[in-house]
N, C-alpha and C. Protein backbone atom coordinates (compact mmCIF):
# COMPACT_ATOMS: atom_id res chain seq x y z
N MET A 1 -1.81 -4.13 -10.85
CA MET A 1 -0.64 -4.62 -11.49
C MET A 1 0.30 -3.44 -11.73
N GLN A 2 1.59 -3.68 -11.57
CA GLN A 2 2.59 -2.64 -11.78
C GLN A 2 3.73 -3.19 -12.62
N TYR A 3 4.14 -2.42 -13.62
CA TYR A 3 5.31 -2.77 -14.43
C TYR A 3 6.32 -1.64 -14.31
N GLN A 4 7.57 -1.99 -14.10
CA GLN A 4 8.63 -0.98 -14.08
C GLN A 4 9.77 -1.49 -14.95
N SER A 5 10.19 -0.66 -15.88
CA SER A 5 11.28 -1.06 -16.77
C SER A 5 12.61 -0.99 -16.03
N ARG A 6 13.63 -1.59 -16.64
CA ARG A 6 14.97 -1.53 -16.07
C ARG A 6 15.38 -0.06 -15.95
N THR A 7 15.93 0.32 -14.81
CA THR A 7 16.22 1.73 -14.58
C THR A 7 17.45 1.92 -13.70
N TRP A 8 18.02 3.10 -13.78
CA TRP A 8 19.12 3.46 -12.87
C TRP A 8 18.51 3.73 -11.51
N ALA A 9 19.20 3.31 -10.46
CA ALA A 9 18.64 3.43 -9.12
C ALA A 9 19.59 4.18 -8.20
N LEU A 10 19.02 4.84 -7.23
CA LEU A 10 19.80 5.56 -6.24
C LEU A 10 20.62 4.58 -5.42
N ASN A 11 21.90 4.79 -5.39
CA ASN A 11 22.81 3.94 -4.63
C ASN A 11 23.30 4.74 -3.43
N ARG A 12 23.05 4.28 -2.24
CA ARG A 12 23.43 5.00 -1.02
C ARG A 12 24.91 4.81 -0.67
N SER A 13 25.76 5.10 -1.60
CA SER A 13 27.20 4.96 -1.40
C SER A 13 27.74 6.18 -0.67
N ARG A 14 28.84 6.00 0.05
CA ARG A 14 29.49 7.14 0.73
C ARG A 14 30.24 8.01 -0.27
N ASN A 15 30.51 7.46 -1.44
CA ASN A 15 31.21 8.19 -2.48
C ASN A 15 30.18 8.89 -3.37
N ALA A 16 30.13 10.21 -3.33
CA ALA A 16 29.12 10.97 -4.07
C ALA A 16 29.21 10.74 -5.57
N ALA A 17 30.37 10.36 -6.08
CA ALA A 17 30.54 10.13 -7.51
C ALA A 17 29.82 8.87 -7.98
N GLU A 18 29.42 7.98 -7.06
CA GLU A 18 28.77 6.72 -7.41
C GLU A 18 27.25 6.78 -7.38
N VAL A 19 26.66 7.94 -7.15
CA VAL A 19 25.20 8.04 -7.08
C VAL A 19 24.60 7.65 -8.42
N ASN A 20 23.52 6.85 -8.39
CA ASN A 20 22.83 6.34 -9.57
C ASN A 20 23.75 5.58 -10.50
N SER A 21 24.65 4.80 -9.92
CA SER A 21 25.61 4.06 -10.73
C SER A 21 25.22 2.59 -10.95
N GLN A 22 24.09 2.17 -10.43
CA GLN A 22 23.66 0.78 -10.58
C GLN A 22 22.26 0.73 -11.19
N ARG A 23 21.98 -0.37 -11.87
CA ARG A 23 20.66 -0.53 -12.47
C ARG A 23 19.91 -1.66 -11.78
N VAL A 24 18.60 -1.51 -11.71
CA VAL A 24 17.75 -2.60 -11.24
C VAL A 24 16.99 -3.13 -12.46
N GLU A 25 16.72 -4.42 -12.45
CA GLU A 25 16.06 -5.07 -13.57
C GLU A 25 14.58 -4.73 -13.62
N ALA A 26 13.99 -4.88 -14.79
CA ALA A 26 12.55 -4.65 -14.98
C ALA A 26 11.76 -5.71 -14.21
N PHE A 27 10.56 -5.36 -13.80
CA PHE A 27 9.70 -6.32 -13.11
C PHE A 27 8.23 -5.96 -13.29
N THR A 28 7.39 -6.97 -13.10
CA THR A 28 5.94 -6.79 -13.08
C THR A 28 5.44 -7.45 -11.79
N VAL A 29 4.63 -6.72 -11.05
CA VAL A 29 4.09 -7.22 -9.79
C VAL A 29 2.57 -7.11 -9.83
N ALA A 30 1.89 -8.16 -9.39
CA ALA A 30 0.42 -8.16 -9.34
C ALA A 30 -0.05 -8.18 -7.89
N ASN A 31 -1.04 -7.36 -7.60
CA ASN A 31 -1.65 -7.28 -6.28
C ASN A 31 -3.16 -7.42 -6.44
N THR A 32 -3.84 -7.82 -5.39
CA THR A 32 -5.29 -7.88 -5.44
C THR A 32 -5.87 -7.45 -4.08
N ARG A 33 -7.08 -6.92 -4.13
CA ARG A 33 -7.75 -6.48 -2.90
C ARG A 33 -9.25 -6.67 -3.09
N LEU A 34 -9.87 -7.37 -2.16
CA LEU A 34 -11.32 -7.56 -2.16
C LEU A 34 -11.89 -6.90 -0.92
N ALA A 35 -12.99 -6.16 -1.11
CA ALA A 35 -13.59 -5.45 0.02
C ALA A 35 -15.11 -5.60 -0.01
N TYR A 36 -15.68 -5.60 1.18
CA TYR A 36 -17.13 -5.67 1.33
C TYR A 36 -17.57 -4.48 2.17
N PRO A 37 -18.45 -3.61 1.63
CA PRO A 37 -18.89 -2.44 2.39
C PRO A 37 -19.75 -2.84 3.60
N VAL A 38 -19.51 -2.14 4.71
CA VAL A 38 -20.27 -2.37 5.94
C VAL A 38 -20.79 -1.00 6.41
N ALA A 39 -22.08 -0.77 6.24
CA ALA A 39 -22.67 0.54 6.54
C ALA A 39 -22.48 0.96 8.00
N GLU A 40 -22.46 -0.01 8.91
CA GLU A 40 -22.29 0.31 10.33
C GLU A 40 -20.92 0.92 10.65
N LEU A 41 -19.96 0.79 9.74
CA LEU A 41 -18.62 1.34 9.96
C LEU A 41 -18.43 2.72 9.34
N GLY A 42 -19.51 3.31 8.86
CA GLY A 42 -19.45 4.65 8.29
C GLY A 42 -19.55 4.65 6.78
N LYS A 43 -19.49 5.85 6.20
CA LYS A 43 -19.67 6.03 4.76
C LYS A 43 -18.66 5.22 3.93
N LYS A 44 -17.42 5.13 4.40
CA LYS A 44 -16.39 4.38 3.69
C LYS A 44 -15.98 3.11 4.42
N GLY A 45 -16.82 2.65 5.32
CA GLY A 45 -16.51 1.46 6.11
C GLY A 45 -16.52 0.19 5.28
N GLU A 46 -15.57 -0.70 5.58
CA GLU A 46 -15.47 -1.95 4.84
C GLU A 46 -14.65 -2.98 5.61
N VAL A 47 -14.83 -4.22 5.22
CA VAL A 47 -14.00 -5.33 5.66
C VAL A 47 -13.25 -5.75 4.40
N PHE A 48 -11.94 -6.01 4.51
CA PHE A 48 -11.17 -6.31 3.30
C PHE A 48 -10.11 -7.37 3.52
N VAL A 49 -9.68 -7.94 2.42
CA VAL A 49 -8.55 -8.85 2.38
C VAL A 49 -7.73 -8.46 1.14
N SER A 50 -6.42 -8.43 1.29
CA SER A 50 -5.57 -8.10 0.14
C SER A 50 -4.34 -9.01 0.11
N VAL A 51 -3.84 -9.23 -1.10
CA VAL A 51 -2.63 -10.02 -1.30
C VAL A 51 -1.69 -9.20 -2.16
N GLU A 52 -0.49 -8.99 -1.67
CA GLU A 52 0.54 -8.23 -2.39
C GLU A 52 1.55 -9.21 -2.99
N ASN A 53 2.10 -8.86 -4.13
CA ASN A 53 3.09 -9.69 -4.83
C ASN A 53 2.51 -11.09 -5.04
N LEU A 54 1.37 -11.13 -5.68
CA LEU A 54 0.56 -12.33 -5.85
C LEU A 54 1.32 -13.54 -6.40
N PHE A 55 2.27 -13.32 -7.28
CA PHE A 55 3.01 -14.43 -7.90
C PHE A 55 4.42 -14.59 -7.31
N ASP A 56 4.66 -13.99 -6.14
CA ASP A 56 5.92 -14.14 -5.41
C ASP A 56 7.14 -13.78 -6.25
N LYS A 57 7.05 -12.66 -6.96
CA LYS A 57 8.12 -12.18 -7.83
C LYS A 57 9.27 -11.61 -7.00
N ARG A 58 10.51 -11.92 -7.38
CA ARG A 58 11.68 -11.32 -6.72
C ARG A 58 12.03 -10.05 -7.48
N TYR A 59 12.02 -8.91 -6.76
CA TYR A 59 12.33 -7.64 -7.40
C TYR A 59 12.84 -6.65 -6.36
N SER A 60 13.41 -5.55 -6.86
CA SER A 60 13.87 -4.50 -5.95
C SER A 60 13.78 -3.15 -6.65
N TYR A 61 13.54 -2.12 -5.86
CA TYR A 61 13.53 -0.75 -6.37
C TYR A 61 14.93 -0.14 -6.31
N ARG A 62 15.74 -0.67 -5.39
CA ARG A 62 17.12 -0.21 -5.23
C ARG A 62 18.03 -1.42 -5.09
N PRO A 63 19.26 -1.36 -5.59
CA PRO A 63 20.18 -2.49 -5.45
C PRO A 63 20.40 -2.84 -3.98
N GLY A 64 20.31 -4.12 -3.66
CA GLY A 64 20.56 -4.57 -2.29
C GLY A 64 19.37 -4.49 -1.36
N TYR A 65 18.23 -4.02 -1.83
CA TYR A 65 17.03 -3.88 -0.99
C TYR A 65 15.89 -4.67 -1.62
N GLN A 66 15.92 -5.98 -1.44
CA GLN A 66 14.92 -6.89 -2.01
C GLN A 66 13.55 -6.62 -1.39
N MET A 67 12.50 -6.58 -2.21
CA MET A 67 11.14 -6.40 -1.71
C MET A 67 10.62 -7.75 -1.20
N PRO A 68 9.64 -7.73 -0.29
CA PRO A 68 9.15 -8.98 0.28
C PRO A 68 8.42 -9.82 -0.76
N GLY A 69 8.36 -11.12 -0.51
CA GLY A 69 7.62 -12.04 -1.36
C GLY A 69 6.12 -11.86 -1.13
N ILE A 70 5.37 -12.88 -1.46
CA ILE A 70 3.91 -12.81 -1.32
C ILE A 70 3.54 -12.59 0.16
N TRP A 71 2.59 -11.70 0.39
CA TRP A 71 2.10 -11.46 1.74
C TRP A 71 0.69 -10.90 1.67
N GLY A 72 -0.02 -10.90 2.77
CA GLY A 72 -1.40 -10.47 2.76
C GLY A 72 -1.82 -9.71 3.99
N GLN A 73 -3.02 -9.16 3.90
CA GLN A 73 -3.61 -8.41 5.01
C GLN A 73 -5.10 -8.73 5.09
N ILE A 74 -5.61 -8.71 6.29
CA ILE A 74 -7.04 -8.77 6.53
C ILE A 74 -7.34 -7.61 7.45
N GLY A 75 -8.37 -6.83 7.13
CA GLY A 75 -8.61 -5.67 7.96
C GLY A 75 -10.00 -5.11 7.90
N ILE A 76 -10.19 -4.09 8.71
CA ILE A 76 -11.45 -3.34 8.78
C ILE A 76 -11.11 -1.87 8.64
N ALA A 77 -11.82 -1.18 7.78
CA ALA A 77 -11.66 0.27 7.63
C ALA A 77 -12.96 0.93 8.07
N ALA A 78 -12.84 2.00 8.84
CA ALA A 78 -14.01 2.72 9.32
C ALA A 78 -13.87 4.20 9.05
N SER A 79 -14.97 4.88 8.84
CA SER A 79 -14.97 6.35 8.68
C SER A 79 -16.19 6.91 9.40
N PHE A 80 -15.96 7.90 10.22
CA PHE A 80 -17.06 8.50 10.97
C PHE A 80 -17.07 10.01 10.81
């Protein structure tokens, strides 16, 4: 889980005087990740599934750059 308070954000304006002139609103985002260790894939080997932005929160780190809604991954990690 991540919480970020309302903050001034970097604005990529061509006018240097406008840098950090906009604020983004506070947000809380929840993520989850489940993993199962698999010895055959090495010391840190695992099969996993993860879900980002679990509650489909609309938020942004910078004005005009909206972060994606709920999304997930399924994968295998190996270490040799």
